[in-house]
Amino acid sequence: MLTSIRGLTAAAIFSTSAILAAPAFAGDADTAIVPSDSSVTFSANVALTSQYRFRGVDLSGGDLAVQGGFDLSHSSGFYVGTWSSTLDNTTVGYGETELDVYGGWAGNLTEGLTINVGAINYIYPNAGPGEFDYAEFYGKLGFTFGPASATVGVAYAPKQPSLGYTDNTYVYTDLGVGIPGTPLTLSGHLGYTDGFLTFTNNSKAFDWSVGAEAPVYGPLTLNVSYIGAEGDYAPGAFRFTRGAVVVTAKAAF
């Protein structure tokens, strides 16, 4: 049963479902983990954001969201991790918590070219009755050239009960460039969803963002982004998909 997929609560509002299925691979399970020289490396992160936006869609009802996670990576390139965020139950219908558990392999193919492949399970521990958890496979390539970087990636959720026994594909690209002589990094993102996980009437949607990030103090960084989503949305979905400025303070350790 999935009449509400991370969003509107009635199937009458939209025919397919949500544009979701993170990190921001929601939460960002798609964050590359680069092996260190040590055998095993532990890292953690915590964030406070003005809205939890996942692939363009507001999952926190316009309210603050608390997020965080940790990762274990091996020098061979293999890693496992978890990430969690607060949700707005009346908006997404998945309870008040999202928990992502993932694992994969990341490494360098050549100088300036990295690869990251893995799988992620999206878990909603306090959702109501029905099938809500689902799994997704992902892969991406990262390129660096001077102060600039680019990423191209794809995520595929195969047919499973929580997706109405249909599937979902998400493709995206991220761009970033550091401004010489400043601590500022500018970023851009464009994603496309095709399948069950959209808020649209035709199961297709775009999401995009532009932003800037800078270190504030120690491990603390501040990001300001404008995030939007485009598609054949039903009128009731507008308040979850309209563009908004999102401010995020994040610390990584």
C-alpha atoms as a PDB file:
ATOM      1  CA  MET A   1       0.000   0.000   0.000  1.00  0.00           C
ATOM      2  CA  LEU A   2       1.515   3.290  -1.065  1.00  0.00           C
ATOM      3  CA  THR A   3      -1.161   5.881  -1.661  1.00  0.00           C
ATOM      4  CA  SER A   4       1.202   8.416  -0.108  1.00  0.00           C
ATOM      5  CA  ILE A   5       4.852   8.431  -1.113  1.00  0.00           C
ATOM      6  CA  ARG A   6       6.839  10.934   0.905  1.00  0.00           C
ATOM      7  CA  GLY A   7       4.219  13.485   0.249  1.00  0.00           C
ATOM      8  CA  LEU A   8       0.577  14.109  -0.434  1.00  0.00           C
ATOM      9  CA  THR A   9      -1.661  11.755   1.452  1.00  0.00           C
ATOM     10  CA  ALA A  10      -4.270  10.851  -1.165  1.00  0.00           C
ATOM     11  CA  ALA A  11      -3.783   9.157  -4.501  1.00  0.00           C
ATOM     12  CA  ALA A  12      -6.408  11.502  -5.888  1.00  0.00           C
ATOM     13  CA  ILE A  13      -3.922  14.353  -5.641  1.00  0.00           C
ATOM     14  CA  PHE A  14      -1.415  12.699  -7.911  1.00  0.00           C
ATOM     15  CA  SER A  15      -1.444   9.540  -9.943  1.00  0.00           C
ATOM     16  CA  THR A  16       2.061   8.248  -9.505  1.00  0.00           C
ATOM     17  CA  SER A  17       3.947   9.376  -6.397  1.00  0.00           C
ATOM     18  CA  ALA A  18       6.976  11.330  -5.268  1.00  0.00           C
ATOM     19  CA  ILE A  19      10.120  12.681  -6.868  1.00  0.00           C
ATOM     20  CA  LEU A  20      12.106  11.283  -4.016  1.00  0.00           C
ATOM     21  CA  ALA A  21      14.551   8.554  -3.412  1.00  0.00           C
ATOM     22  CA  ALA A  22      18.007  10.400  -1.957  1.00  0.00           C
ATOM     23  CA  PRO A  23      21.400  11.735  -0.805  1.00  0.00           C
ATOM     24  CA  ALA A  24      19.751  14.146  -1.958  1.00  0.00           C
ATOM     25  CA  PHE A  25      20.294  10.254  -2.626  1.00  0.00           C
ATOM     26  CA  ALA A  26      18.531  11.526   0.130  1.00  0.00           C
ATOM     27  CA  GLY A  27      20.115  12.350   2.464  1.00  0.00           C
ATOM     28  CA  ASP A  28      23.154  11.957   0.740  1.00  0.00           C
ATOM     29  CA  ALA A  29      23.932   8.499   0.328  1.00  0.00           C
ATOM     30  CA  ASP A  30      25.407   9.559  -2.905  1.00  0.00           C
ATOM     31  CA  THR A  31      28.182  11.452  -1.145  1.00  0.00           C
ATOM     32  CA  ALA A  32      31.489  10.038  -2.369  1.00  0.00           C
ATOM     33  CA  ILE A  33      33.645   8.448   0.278  1.00  0.00           C
ATOM     34  CA  VAL A  34      37.313   8.504  -0.691  1.00  0.00           C
ATOM     35  CA  PRO A  35      39.491   5.936   1.089  1.00  0.00           C
ATOM     36  CA  SER A  36      42.224   7.254   3.365  1.00  0.00           C
ATOM     37  CA  ASP A  37      45.720   5.838   3.843  1.00  0.00           C
ATOM     38  CA  SER A  38      44.702   4.132   7.079  1.00  0.00           C
ATOM     39  CA  SER A  39      43.053   0.725   7.030  1.00  0.00           C
ATOM     40  CA  VAL A  40      39.691   1.881   8.426  1.00  0.00           C
ATOM     41  CA  THR A  41      38.443   5.459   8.652  1.00  0.00           C
ATOM     42  CA  PHE A  42      35.470   6.720  10.632  1.00  0.00           C
ATOM     43  CA  SER A  43      33.706   9.967   9.723  1.00  0.00           C
ATOM     44  CA  ALA A  44      30.554  11.661  10.944  1.00  0.00           C
ATOM     45  CA  ASN A  45      28.401  14.627  10.028  1.00  0.00           C
ATOM     46  CA  VAL A  46      25.562  16.618  11.554  1.00  0.00           C
ATOM     47  CA  ALA A  47      23.436  19.341   9.976  1.00  0.00           C
ATOM     48  CA  LEU A  48      20.600  21.756  10.615  1.00  0.00           C
ATOM     49  CA  THR A  49      18.690  22.831   7.506  1.00  0.00           C
ATOM     50  CA  SER A  50      15.810  25.218   6.976  1.00  0.00           C
ATOM     51  CA  GLN A  51      14.060  22.561   4.852  1.00  0.00           C
ATOM     52  CA  TYR A  52      14.782  18.958   3.977  1.00  0.00           C
ATOM     53  CA  ARG A  53      14.696  18.984   0.180  1.00  0.00           C
ATOM     54  CA  PHE A  54      15.149  15.654  -1.564  1.00  0.00           C
ATOM     55  CA  ARG A  55      15.406  15.808  -5.340  1.00  0.00           C
ATOM     56  CA  GLY A  56      13.608  19.117  -5.307  1.00  0.00           C
ATOM     57  CA  VAL A  57      10.722  18.127  -3.028  1.00  0.00           C
ATOM     58  CA  ASP A  58      10.173  19.517   0.482  1.00  0.00           C
ATOM     59  CA  LEU A  59       9.937  16.625   2.956  1.00  0.00           C
ATOM     60  CA  SER A  60       9.904  18.648   6.173  1.00  0.00           C
ATOM     61  CA  GLY A  61       6.800  20.751   5.556  1.00  0.00           C
ATOM     62  CA  GLY A  62       8.824  23.949   5.288  1.00  0.00           C
ATOM     63  CA  ASP A  63      10.178  23.443   8.801  1.00  0.00           C
ATOM     64  CA  LEU A  64      13.684  22.950  10.143  1.00  0.00           C
ATOM     65  CA  ALA A  65      15.155  19.470   9.818  1.00  0.00           C
ATOM     66  CA  VAL A  66      17.904  17.882  11.905  1.00  0.00           C
ATOM     67  CA  GLN A  67      20.175  15.494  10.006  1.00  0.00           C
ATOM     68  CA  GLY A  68      23.277  13.443  10.583  1.00  0.00           C
ATOM     69  CA  GLY A  69      25.135  10.250   9.903  1.00  0.00           C
ATOM     70  CA  PHE A  70      28.390   8.365   9.995  1.00  0.00           C
ATOM     71  CA  ASP A  71      30.535   6.266   7.656  1.00  0.00           C
ATOM     72  CA  LEU A  72      33.157   3.558   7.942  1.00  0.00           C
ATOM     73  CA  SER A  73      35.506   3.260   4.965  1.00  0.00           C
ATOM     74  CA  HIS A  74      38.325   0.809   4.319  1.00  0.00           C
ATOM     75  CA  SER A  75      41.541   1.579   2.452  1.00  0.00           C
ATOM     76  CA  SER A  76      40.428  -0.930  -0.197  1.00  0.00           C
ATOM     77  CA  GLY A  77      37.622   1.470  -1.118  1.00  0.00           C
ATOM     78  CA  PHE A  78      34.702  -0.372   0.452  1.00  0.00           C
ATOM     79  CA  TYR A  79      32.439   1.601   2.789  1.00  0.00           C
ATOM     80  CA  VAL A  80      29.239   1.380   4.817  1.00  0.00           C
ATOM     81  CA  GLY A  81      27.261   4.164   6.374  1.00  0.00           C
ATOM     82  CA  THR A  82      23.995   5.507   7.670  1.00  0.00           C
ATOM     83  CA  TRP A  83      22.223   8.859   7.506  1.00  0.00           C
ATOM     84  CA  SER A  84      19.008  10.140   9.058  1.00  0.00           C
ATOM     85  CA  SER A  85      16.710  13.139   8.885  1.00  0.00           C
ATOM     86  CA  THR A  86      13.578  14.370  10.589  1.00  0.00           C
ATOM     87  CA  LEU A  87      10.446  14.512   8.423  1.00  0.00           C
ATOM     88  CA  ASP A  88       7.046  16.131   8.543  1.00  0.00           C
ATOM     89  CA  ASN A  89       4.545  13.274   8.763  1.00  0.00           C
ATOM     90  CA  THR A  90       1.599  15.312   7.481  1.00  0.00           C
ATOM     91  CA  THR A  91       3.618  16.232   4.381  1.00  0.00           C
ATOM     92  CA  VAL A  92       5.293  12.980   3.430  1.00  0.00           C
ATOM     93  CA  GLY A  93       3.097  10.416   5.167  1.00  0.00           C
ATOM     94  CA  TYR A  94       6.145   8.361   6.150  1.00  0.00           C
ATOM     95  CA  GLY A  95       6.266   9.152   9.833  1.00  0.00           C
ATOM     96  CA  GLU A  96       8.692  11.595  11.367  1.00  0.00           C
ATOM     97  CA  THR A  97      12.042   9.916  10.637  1.00  0.00           C
ATOM     98  CA  GLU A  98      13.984   8.757   7.597  1.00  0.00           C
ATOM     99  CA  LEU A  99      16.902   6.365   8.087  1.00  0.00           C
ATOM    100  CA  ASP A 100      19.181   5.493   5.167  1.00  0.00           C
ATOM    101  CA  VAL A 101      21.598   2.570   5.327  1.00  0.00           C
ATOM    102  CA  TYR A 102      24.061   2.125   2.478  1.00  0.00           C
ATOM    103  CA  GLY A 103      27.263   0.478   1.364  1.00  0.00           C
ATOM    104  CA  GLY A 104      29.472   0.344  -1.682  1.00  0.00           C
ATOM    105  CA  TRP A 105      32.879   0.925  -3.177  1.00  0.00           C
ATOM    106  CA  ALA A 106      34.630   4.162  -4.168  1.00  0.00           C
ATOM    107  CA  GLY A 107      38.024   4.715  -5.712  1.00  0.00           C
ATOM    108  CA  ASN A 108      40.170   6.429  -8.318  1.00  0.00           C
ATOM    109  CA  LEU A 109      40.063   5.238 -11.920  1.00  0.00           C
ATOM    110  CA  THR A 110      42.702   7.683 -13.114  1.00  0.00           C
ATOM    111  CA  GLU A 111      44.040  11.014 -11.896  1.00  0.00           C
ATOM    112  CA  GLY A 112      41.084  13.352 -11.552  1.00  0.00           C
ATOM    113  CA  LEU A 113      38.497  10.620 -12.156  1.00  0.00           C
ATOM    114  CA  THR A 114      36.684   8.726  -9.360  1.00  0.00           C
ATOM    115  CA  ILE A 115      33.923   6.148  -9.283  1.00  0.00           C
ATOM    116  CA  ASN A 116      31.383   5.323  -6.583  1.00  0.00           C
ATOM    117  CA  VAL A 117      28.912   2.402  -6.778  1.00  0.00           C
ATOM    118  CA  GLY A 118      26.646   0.976  -4.118  1.00  0.00           C
ATOM    119  CA  ALA A 119      23.185   0.304  -2.766  1.00  0.00           C
ATOM    120  CA  ILE A 120      20.984   2.142  -0.283  1.00  0.00           C
ATOM    121  CA  ASN A 121      17.927   1.167   1.738  1.00  0.00           C
ATOM    122  CA  TYR A 122      15.469   3.913   2.695  1.00  0.00           C
ATOM    123  CA  ILE A 123      13.803   3.042   5.998  1.00  0.00           C
ATOM    124  CA  TYR A 124      10.884   4.778   7.746  1.00  0.00           C
ATOM    125  CA  PRO A 125      10.808   3.278  11.253  1.00  0.00           C
ATOM    126  CA  ASN A 126       7.719   5.093  12.552  1.00  0.00           C
ATOM    127  CA  ALA A 127       5.585   5.147   9.413  1.00  0.00           C
ATOM    128  CA  GLY A 128       2.023   3.897   9.600  1.00  0.00           C
ATOM    129  CA  PRO A 129       0.691   0.580   8.308  1.00  0.00           C
ATOM    130  CA  GLY A 130       1.753  -0.428   4.804  1.00  0.00           C
ATOM    131  CA  GLU A 131       4.887  -0.824   2.718  1.00  0.00           C
ATOM    132  CA  PHE A 132       7.168   2.224   2.747  1.00  0.00           C
ATOM    133  CA  ASP A 133      10.820   1.091   2.859  1.00  0.00           C
ATOM    134  CA  TYR A 134      12.570   0.588  -0.470  1.00  0.00           C
ATOM    135  CA  ALA A 135      15.998  -0.146  -1.923  1.00  0.00           C
ATOM    136  CA  GLU A 136      17.950   1.649  -4.631  1.00  0.00           C
ATOM    137  CA  PHE A 137      21.229   1.004  -6.490  1.00  0.00           C
ATOM    138  CA  TYR A 138      23.491   3.883  -7.490  1.00  0.00           C
ATOM    139  CA  GLY A 139      26.639   4.721  -9.401  1.00  0.00           C
ATOM    140  CA  LYS A 140      28.469   7.918 -10.264  1.00  0.00           C
ATOM    141  CA  LEU A 141      31.631   9.284 -11.818  1.00  0.00           C
ATOM    142  CA  GLY A 142      33.436  12.314 -10.399  1.00  0.00           C
ATOM    143  CA  PHE A 143      35.771  14.584 -12.361  1.00  0.00           C
ATOM    144  CA  THR A 144      38.114  17.279 -11.062  1.00  0.00           C
ATOM    145  CA  PHE A 145      39.958  19.875 -13.121  1.00  0.00           C
ATOM    146  CA  GLY A 146      41.696  22.621 -11.212  1.00  0.00           C
ATOM    147  CA  PRO A 147      39.239  24.376  -8.870  1.00  0.00           C
ATOM    148  CA  ALA A 148      36.247  22.829 -10.661  1.00  0.00           C
ATOM    149  CA  SER A 149      34.516  19.487 -10.232  1.00  0.00           C
ATOM    150  CA  ALA A 150      31.694  17.630 -11.931  1.00  0.00           C
ATOM    151  CA  THR A 151      29.684  14.519 -11.119  1.00  0.00           C
ATOM    152  CA  VAL A 152      27.340  12.450 -13.265  1.00  0.00           C
ATOM    153  CA  GLY A 153      25.277   9.746 -11.616  1.00  0.00           C
ATOM    154  CA  VAL A 154      22.335   7.397 -11.845  1.00  0.00           C
ATOM    155  CA  ALA A 155      20.132   5.682  -9.232  1.00  0.00           C
ATOM    156  CA  TYR A 156      17.773   2.839  -9.980  1.00  0.00           C
ATOM    157  CA  ALA A 157      15.065   1.478  -7.695  1.00  0.00           C
ATOM    158  CA  PRO A 158      13.819  -1.891  -9.023  1.00  0.00           C
ATOM    159  CA  LYS A 159      10.244  -3.112  -8.773  1.00  0.00           C
ATOM    160  CA  GLN A 160       9.199  -3.669  -5.152  1.00  0.00           C
ATOM    161  CA  PRO A 161       6.011  -3.503  -3.047  1.00  0.00           C
ATOM    162  CA  SER A 162       6.567   0.021  -1.713  1.00  0.00           C
ATOM    163  CA  LEU A 163       6.849   1.295  -5.293  1.00  0.00           C
ATOM    164  CA  GLY A 164       3.598  -0.330  -6.342  1.00  0.00           C
ATOM    165  CA  TYR A 165       5.575  -3.115  -8.032  1.00  0.00           C
ATOM    166  CA  THR A 166       7.001  -0.609 -10.514  1.00  0.00           C
ATOM    167  CA  ASP A 167      10.489   0.904 -10.756  1.00  0.00           C
ATOM    168  CA  ASN A 168      12.179   4.310 -10.780  1.00  0.00           C
ATOM    169  CA  THR A 169      15.242   5.820 -12.459  1.00  0.00           C
ATOM    170  CA  TYR A 170      17.021   9.011 -11.421  1.00  0.00           C
ATOM    171  CA  VAL A 171      19.873  10.617 -13.392  1.00  0.00           C
ATOM    172  CA  TYR A 172      21.698  13.769 -12.375  1.00  0.00           C
ATOM    173  CA  THR A 173      24.744  15.961 -12.734  1.00  0.00           C
ATOM    174  CA  ASP A 174      26.449  18.210 -10.177  1.00  0.00           C
ATOM    175  CA  LEU A 175      28.902  21.022 -10.882  1.00  0.00           C
ATOM    176  CA  GLY A 176      31.115  22.914  -8.444  1.00  0.00           C
ATOM    177  CA  VAL A 177      33.808  25.555  -8.705  1.00  0.00           C
ATOM    178  CA  GLY A 178      35.921  27.240  -6.061  1.00  0.00           C
ATOM    179  CA  ILE A 179      36.318  30.986  -6.453  1.00  0.00           C
ATOM    180  CA  PRO A 180      40.085  31.747  -6.482  1.00  0.00           C
ATOM    181  CA  GLY A 181      41.247  33.861  -3.571  1.00  0.00           C
ATOM    182  CA  THR A 182      38.075  33.208  -1.566  1.00  0.00           C
ATOM    183  CA  PRO A 183      36.717  30.356   0.602  1.00  0.00           C
ATOM    184  CA  LEU A 184      33.531  30.344  -1.500  1.00  0.00           C
ATOM    185  CA  THR A 185      32.421  27.389  -3.638  1.00  0.00           C
ATOM    186  CA  LEU A 186      29.594  27.750  -6.151  1.00  0.00           C
ATOM    187  CA  SER A 187      27.484  24.742  -7.111  1.00  0.00           C
ATOM    188  CA  GLY A 188      24.787  23.692  -9.538  1.00  0.00           C
ATOM    189  CA  HIS A 189      22.625  20.581  -9.834  1.00  0.00           C
ATOM    190  CA  LEU A 190      20.207  19.148 -12.401  1.00  0.00           C
ATOM    191  CA  GLY A 191      18.294  15.881 -11.957  1.00  0.00           C
ATOM    192  CA  TYR A 192      15.636  13.940 -13.835  1.00  0.00           C
ATOM    193  CA  THR A 193      13.259  11.322 -12.406  1.00  0.00           C
ATOM    194  CA  ASP A 194      11.393   8.771 -14.518  1.00  0.00           C
ATOM    195  CA  GLY A 195       9.117   6.278 -12.790  1.00  0.00           C
ATOM    196  CA  PHE A 196       7.090   5.779  -9.650  1.00  0.00           C
ATOM    197  CA  LEU A 197       8.823   8.330  -7.423  1.00  0.00           C
ATOM    198  CA  THR A 198       7.429  11.609  -8.725  1.00  0.00           C
ATOM    199  CA  PHE A 199       4.702  14.052  -7.786  1.00  0.00           C
ATOM    200  CA  THR A 200       3.732  14.381 -11.451  1.00  0.00           C
ATOM    201  CA  ASN A 201       0.846  13.073 -13.514  1.00  0.00           C
ATOM    202  CA  ASN A 202       3.124  11.565 -16.178  1.00  0.00           C
ATOM    203  CA  SER A 203       5.789  10.001 -13.885  1.00  0.00           C
ATOM    204  CA  LYS A 204       8.501  12.408 -15.075  1.00  0.00           C
ATOM    205  CA  ALA A 205      10.080  15.349 -13.227  1.00  0.00           C
ATOM    206  CA  PHE A 206      13.139  17.590 -13.154  1.00  0.00           C
ATOM    207  CA  ASP A 207      14.825  19.090 -10.089  1.00  0.00           C
ATOM    208  CA  TRP A 208      17.546  21.704  -9.983  1.00  0.00           C
ATOM    209  CA  SER A 209      19.496  23.943  -7.644  1.00  0.00           C
ATOM    210  CA  VAL A 210      22.138  26.665  -7.565  1.00  0.00           C
ATOM    211  CA  GLY A 211      24.047  27.521  -4.423  1.00  0.00           C
ATOM    212  CA  ALA A 212      27.132  28.705  -2.606  1.00  0.00           C
ATOM    213  CA  GLU A 213      29.032  27.244   0.347  1.00  0.00           C
ATOM    214  CA  ALA A 214      31.799  28.511   2.597  1.00  0.00           C
ATOM    215  CA  PRO A 215      33.535  27.384   5.795  1.00  0.00           C
ATOM    216  CA  VAL A 216      32.398  29.265   8.885  1.00  0.00           C
ATOM    217  CA  TYR A 217      34.469  27.968  11.785  1.00  0.00           C
ATOM    218  CA  GLY A 218      36.475  24.773  12.194  1.00  0.00           C
ATOM    219  CA  PRO A 219      34.483  21.890  10.640  1.00  0.00           C
ATOM    220  CA  LEU A 220      31.349  24.049  10.275  1.00  0.00           C
ATOM    221  CA  THR A 221      30.228  25.103   6.784  1.00  0.00           C
ATOM    222  CA  LEU A 222      27.271  27.177   5.642  1.00  0.00           C
ATOM    223  CA  ASN A 223      25.395  26.513   2.405  1.00  0.00           C
ATOM    224  CA  VAL A 224      22.733  28.712   0.798  1.00  0.00           C
ATOM    225  CA  SER A 225      20.896  27.253  -2.205  1.00  0.00           C
ATOM    226  CA  TYR A 226      17.837  27.925  -4.306  1.00  0.00           C
ATOM    227  CA  ILE A 227      16.096  24.608  -5.017  1.00  0.00           C
ATOM    228  CA  GLY A 228      13.235  23.920  -7.381  1.00  0.00           C
ATOM    229  CA  ALA A 229      11.347  21.161  -9.181  1.00  0.00           C
ATOM    230  CA  GLU A 230       9.625  21.152 -12.567  1.00  0.00           C
ATOM    231  CA  GLY A 231       6.989  18.814 -13.985  1.00  0.00           C
ATOM    232  CA  ASP A 232       3.332  18.124 -14.668  1.00  0.00           C
ATOM    233  CA  TYR A 233       2.397  18.534 -11.031  1.00  0.00           C
ATOM    234  CA  ALA A 234      -1.130  18.319  -9.701  1.00  0.00           C
ATOM    235  CA  PRO A 235      -2.224  21.603  -8.043  1.00  0.00           C
ATOM    236  CA  GLY A 236      -2.049  20.085  -4.552  1.00  0.00           C
ATOM    237  CA  ALA A 237       1.642  19.285  -4.970  1.00  0.00           C
ATOM    238  CA  PHE A 238       2.681  22.907  -5.510  1.00  0.00           C
ATOM    239  CA  ARG A 239       3.422  23.679  -1.867  1.00  0.00           C
ATOM    240  CA  PHE A 240       5.901  20.765  -1.745  1.00  0.00           C
ATOM    241  CA  THR A 241       7.617  21.471  -5.072  1.00  0.00           C
ATOM    242  CA  ARG A 242       7.727  25.250  -5.466  1.00  0.00           C
ATOM    243  CA  GLY A 243      11.177  26.817  -5.417  1.00  0.00           C
ATOM    244  CA  ALA A 244      12.670  27.943  -2.130  1.00  0.00           C
ATOM    245  CA  VAL A 245      15.885  29.241  -0.592  1.00  0.00           C
ATOM    246  CA  VAL A 246      17.359  26.593   1.703  1.00  0.00           C
ATOM    247  CA  VAL A 247      20.039  27.386   4.311  1.00  0.00           C
ATOM    248  CA  THR A 248      22.082  24.537   5.788  1.00  0.00           C
ATOM    249  CA  ALA A 249      24.719  24.577   8.508  1.00  0.00           C
ATOM    250  CA  LYS A 250      26.773  21.381   8.499  1.00  0.00           C
ATOM    251  CA  ALA A 251      29.741  20.046  10.437  1.00  0.00           C
ATOM    252  CA  ALA A 252      31.806  17.055   9.286  1.00  0.00           C
ATOM    253  CA  PHE A 253      34.292  15.234  11.472  1.00  0.00           C
END
